[in-house]
Amino acid sequence: MDSTEFKRILAHKLNNLLMMALNPAQMLDDPSMPPEQCAQLRAMLSDSLARMQVIFKDLTDLARAEDMDAEPRLAFRPGELVQQVVDQEQALALRQGVMLAFQADGAPDRDLTGQLELLERGLTYVIQNAIYYTPDGGRVTVGLAEKDGFVVIRVADGGFGLPPEDLGHAWEPFYHPKDKRTVQIPNMGLGLTLARAVIESHGGRVEIKSVPDQGSVYKLFLPLNQS
């Protein structure tokens, strides 16, 4: 996706959310509005504003990832970072009826350096995406290994999977599969795009493999030889 297309889609998304906020806000001025309808309108207004806030935060973090030299880097243990994010997302997995498990076998026992806030946010989006795309009763497994000079974070879901022609678009802004079964799944917006940007800004790369009706496997590669 080029810069012009990205700006067009972003403007369209923000305009829609703005309209979804303005309409309830204007209707709330009606003194004859029943209390239960007022509550619904306030919920719609709050939801739209919250979604806009997430987009603005993601845009800020994308800019930070593109200027990583200005960001403070700290030493961290990959296993501890992954465990923390998995623990944080257990509540979402429970609500979605999905089992979320971390398989720490083979986790590298060494420090990496990086921008922890951005790494945590990027990994969170990948895991959330896997949870949302896994049907009730399914399983998401997060693994950690060391291979060919990289720490590899592997997130495997038991979801709907992606057709081959969509694999190249999975990390693009506002991507959403055309599968009718995914219509009600929240659009991750810039989430996976941010995850890729953060990993690449640390000298790594991302991969995805997917089979329709069998699920997807996301891999995040972080180099071991960081300065």
Protein backbone atom coordinates (compact mmCIF):
# COMPACT_ATOMS: atom_id res chain seq x y z
CA MET A 1 0.00 0.00 0.00
CA ASP A 2 1.50 3.34 -1.03
CA SER A 3 1.37 6.57 0.99
CA THR A 4 -1.53 8.04 -1.00
CA GLU A 5 -3.73 4.97 -0.55
CA PHE A 6 -2.88 4.82 3.16
CA LYS A 7 -3.89 8.47 3.65
CA ARG A 8 -7.12 7.93 1.73
CA ILE A 9 -8.14 4.92 3.82
CA LEU A 10 -7.08 6.61 7.07
CA ALA A 11 -9.12 9.73 6.27
CA HIS A 12 -12.14 7.56 5.41
CA LYS A 13 -11.86 5.58 8.66
CA LEU A 14 -11.47 8.69 10.83
CA ASN A 15 -14.34 10.47 9.06
CA ASN A 16 -16.64 7.48 9.69
CA LEU A 17 -15.69 7.37 13.36
CA LEU A 18 -16.19 11.12 13.65
CA MET A 19 -19.69 10.85 12.20
CA MET A 20 -20.42 7.96 14.58
CA ALA A 21 -19.47 10.27 17.44
CA LEU A 22 -21.15 13.46 16.22
CA ASN A 23 -24.54 11.93 15.52
CA PRO A 24 -25.09 10.56 19.06
CA ALA A 25 -23.65 13.76 20.56
CA GLN A 26 -26.19 15.87 18.67
CA MET A 27 -29.10 13.57 19.54
CA LEU A 28 -28.25 13.73 23.24
CA ASP A 29 -29.33 17.39 23.19
CA ASP A 30 -32.95 16.26 22.82
CA PRO A 31 -34.56 16.67 26.30
CA SER A 32 -37.33 14.21 25.39
CA MET A 33 -34.88 11.36 24.79
CA PRO A 34 -35.74 8.30 26.97
CA PRO A 35 -33.01 7.43 29.53
CA GLU A 36 -32.31 4.01 28.03
CA GLN A 37 -31.78 5.53 24.58
CA CYS A 38 -29.51 8.19 26.08
CA ALA A 39 -27.41 5.41 27.62
CA GLN A 40 -27.11 3.68 24.23
CA LEU A 41 -26.08 6.91 22.53
CA ARG A 42 -23.47 7.63 25.18
CA ALA A 43 -22.07 4.14 24.70
CA MET A 44 -21.87 4.69 20.93
CA LEU A 45 -20.17 8.04 21.46
CA SER A 46 -17.68 6.59 23.91
CA ASP A 47 -16.88 3.65 21.64
CA SER A 48 -16.23 5.88 18.63
CA LEU A 49 -13.96 8.20 20.61
CA ALA A 50 -12.06 5.24 22.06
CA ARG A 51 -11.49 3.78 18.59
CA MET A 52 -10.22 7.12 17.32
CA GLN A 53 -7.89 7.32 20.31
CA VAL A 54 -6.41 3.91 19.44
CA ILE A 55 -5.77 5.01 15.85
CA PHE A 56 -4.04 8.19 17.00
CA LYS A 57 -1.92 6.21 19.45
CA ASP A 58 -0.98 3.71 16.73
CA LEU A 59 -0.03 6.52 14.35
CA THR A 60 2.19 8.03 17.04
CA ASP A 61 3.83 4.66 17.69
CA LEU A 62 4.37 4.08 13.97
CA ALA A 63 6.24 7.37 13.83
CA ARG A 64 8.28 6.32 16.87
CA ALA A 65 9.16 3.02 15.22
CA GLU A 66 10.38 4.88 12.13
CA ASP A 67 12.69 7.02 14.30
CA MET A 68 14.02 4.36 16.64
CA ASP A 69 17.31 6.20 17.18
CA ALA A 70 15.40 8.65 19.37
CA GLU A 71 13.90 5.89 21.51
CA PRO A 72 15.46 4.58 24.75
CA ARG A 73 16.48 0.92 24.63
CA LEU A 74 16.60 -1.37 27.63
CA ALA A 75 17.82 -4.91 28.20
CA PHE A 76 15.07 -7.51 28.52
CA ARG A 77 14.55 -11.26 28.57
CA PRO A 78 12.35 -12.35 25.63
CA GLY A 79 10.65 -15.06 27.68
CA GLU A 80 9.63 -12.56 30.35
CA LEU A 81 8.25 -10.14 27.77
CA VAL A 82 6.20 -12.82 26.03
CA GLN A 83 4.91 -14.23 29.32
CA GLN A 84 3.81 -10.77 30.41
CA VAL A 85 1.83 -10.15 27.23
CA VAL A 86 0.25 -13.62 27.31
CA ASP A 87 -0.82 -13.06 30.92
CA GLN A 88 -2.33 -9.70 30.01
CA GLU A 89 -4.37 -11.20 27.17
CA GLN A 90 -5.83 -14.11 29.16
CA ALA A 91 -8.93 -12.05 29.98
CA LEU A 92 -9.63 -11.41 26.28
CA ALA A 93 -9.07 -15.08 25.47
CA LEU A 94 -11.51 -16.07 28.23
CA ARG A 95 -14.19 -13.71 26.89
CA GLN A 96 -13.73 -15.14 23.39
CA GLY A 97 -13.86 -18.74 24.62
CA VAL A 98 -10.30 -19.36 23.43
CA MET A 99 -7.48 -21.16 25.26
CA LEU A 100 -4.28 -19.09 25.22
CA ALA A 101 -1.08 -20.94 26.10
CA PHE A 102 2.61 -20.05 26.21
CA GLN A 103 5.08 -22.80 25.47
CA ALA A 104 8.36 -21.55 26.91
CA ASP A 105 10.44 -24.64 26.09
CA GLY A 106 13.54 -23.63 24.17
CA ALA A 107 13.28 -19.96 25.15
CA PRO A 108 16.72 -18.30 24.88
CA ASP A 109 18.26 -17.53 28.26
CA ARG A 110 19.89 -14.25 27.28
CA ASP A 111 19.14 -10.54 27.14
CA LEU A 112 18.11 -8.53 24.12
CA THR A 113 17.89 -4.76 23.94
CA GLY A 114 14.94 -2.84 22.61
CA GLN A 115 12.13 -0.36 23.06
CA LEU A 116 10.03 -2.39 25.47
CA GLU A 117 6.82 -0.37 25.23
CA LEU A 118 6.68 -0.68 21.45
CA LEU A 119 7.69 -4.35 21.45
CA GLU A 120 4.99 -5.14 23.99
CA ARG A 121 2.37 -3.22 22.02
CA GLY A 122 3.29 -4.92 18.76
CA LEU A 123 3.23 -8.42 20.26
CA THR A 124 -0.07 -7.63 21.98
CA TYR A 125 -1.67 -6.84 18.64
CA VAL A 126 -0.45 -10.09 17.07
CA ILE A 127 -1.80 -12.17 19.95
CA GLN A 128 -5.10 -10.28 20.03
CA ASN A 129 -5.50 -10.80 16.30
CA ALA A 130 -4.96 -14.55 16.75
CA ILE A 131 -7.53 -14.67 19.56
CA TYR A 132 -10.19 -12.78 17.59
CA TYR A 133 -9.76 -15.03 14.55
CA THR A 134 -10.00 -18.26 16.53
CA PRO A 135 -13.56 -19.58 16.99
CA ASP A 136 -15.05 -20.29 20.41
CA GLY A 137 -13.47 -23.42 21.82
CA GLY A 138 -10.26 -23.00 19.82
CA ARG A 139 -6.68 -22.54 20.93
CA VAL A 140 -3.91 -19.97 20.42
CA THR A 141 -0.37 -21.07 21.20
CA VAL A 142 2.56 -18.71 21.68
CA GLY A 143 6.04 -20.18 21.42
CA LEU A 144 9.59 -18.88 21.75
CA ALA A 145 12.74 -20.33 20.25
CA GLU A 146 16.22 -19.45 19.03
CA LYS A 147 17.12 -20.10 15.40
CA ASP A 148 19.86 -18.92 13.02
CA GLY A 149 20.83 -15.91 15.10
CA PHE A 150 17.29 -14.82 15.88
CA VAL A 151 14.83 -15.09 18.72
CA VAL A 152 11.61 -16.29 17.10
CA ILE A 153 8.23 -15.53 18.66
CA ARG A 154 5.61 -17.82 17.13
CA VAL A 155 1.87 -17.16 17.47
CA ALA A 156 -0.33 -19.94 16.08
CA ASP A 157 -4.12 -19.76 15.98
CA GLY A 158 -6.82 -22.25 15.15
CA GLY A 159 -8.83 -19.80 13.16
CA PHE A 160 -10.31 -19.32 9.73
CA GLY A 161 -6.98 -18.92 7.98
CA LEU A 162 -6.25 -16.72 4.98
CA PRO A 163 -6.40 -17.51 1.26
CA PRO A 164 -3.01 -17.43 -0.52
CA GLU A 165 -3.84 -14.21 -2.36
CA ASP A 166 -4.36 -12.37 0.95
CA LEU A 167 -1.12 -13.36 2.66
CA GLY A 168 0.80 -10.42 1.24
CA HIS A 169 -1.77 -8.00 2.66
CA ALA A 170 -2.06 -9.32 6.22
CA TRP A 171 0.39 -6.74 7.64
CA GLU A 172 -1.10 -3.81 5.70
CA PRO A 173 -3.09 -1.02 7.40
CA PHE A 174 -6.78 -1.75 7.99
CA TYR A 175 -6.60 -5.14 6.30
CA HIS A 176 -9.64 -7.35 6.89
CA PRO A 177 -10.33 -10.74 5.25
CA LYS A 178 -13.27 -10.96 2.89
CA ASP A 179 -14.45 -14.18 4.56
CA LYS A 180 -18.07 -13.64 5.66
CA ARG A 181 -17.34 -15.45 8.93
CA THR A 182 -15.03 -12.61 9.98
CA VAL A 183 -17.52 -9.76 9.52
CA GLN A 184 -18.15 -9.38 13.25
CA ILE A 185 -14.47 -9.55 14.18
CA PRO A 186 -13.01 -6.17 15.26
CA ASN A 187 -10.81 -4.64 12.60
CA MET A 188 -7.27 -4.45 13.97
CA GLY A 189 -6.70 -1.24 12.06
CA LEU A 190 -3.01 -0.44 12.29
CA GLY A 191 -2.20 -3.19 14.78
CA LEU A 192 -0.34 -5.68 12.60
CA THR A 193 1.21 -2.84 10.62
CA LEU A 194 2.62 -1.46 13.86
CA ALA A 195 3.85 -4.91 14.90
CA ARG A 196 5.78 -5.27 11.65
CA ALA A 197 7.22 -1.75 11.89
CA VAL A 198 8.42 -2.31 15.45
CA ILE A 199 10.07 -5.65 14.68
CA GLU A 200 11.75 -4.30 11.54
CA SER A 201 12.97 -1.22 13.43
CA HIS A 202 14.79 -3.64 15.76
CA GLY A 203 16.54 -5.27 12.80
CA GLY A 204 14.09 -8.18 12.58
CA ARG A 205 11.42 -9.39 10.22
CA VAL A 206 7.92 -10.89 10.25
CA GLU A 207 6.41 -13.87 8.48
CA ILE A 208 2.97 -15.40 8.17
CA LYS A 209 1.83 -18.80 6.96
CA SER A 210 -1.84 -19.64 6.71
CA VAL A 211 -4.15 -22.38 5.48
CA PRO A 212 -7.86 -21.66 4.97
CA ASP A 213 -10.00 -23.31 7.67
CA GLN A 214 -6.90 -24.49 9.54
CA GLY A 215 -5.43 -21.31 10.97
CA SER A 216 -2.46 -18.99 10.72
CA VAL A 217 1.05 -18.87 12.15
CA TYR A 218 2.69 -15.49 12.74
CA LYS A 219 6.44 -15.35 13.35
CA LEU A 220 8.37 -12.38 14.73
CA PHE A 221 12.15 -12.53 14.34
CA LEU A 222 14.40 -10.44 16.61
CA PRO A 223 18.17 -10.57 16.01
CA LEU A 224 20.44 -11.80 18.81
CA ASN A 225 23.45 -9.75 17.76
CA GLN A 226 22.06 -6.39 18.80
CA SER A 227 24.38 -3.60 19.87
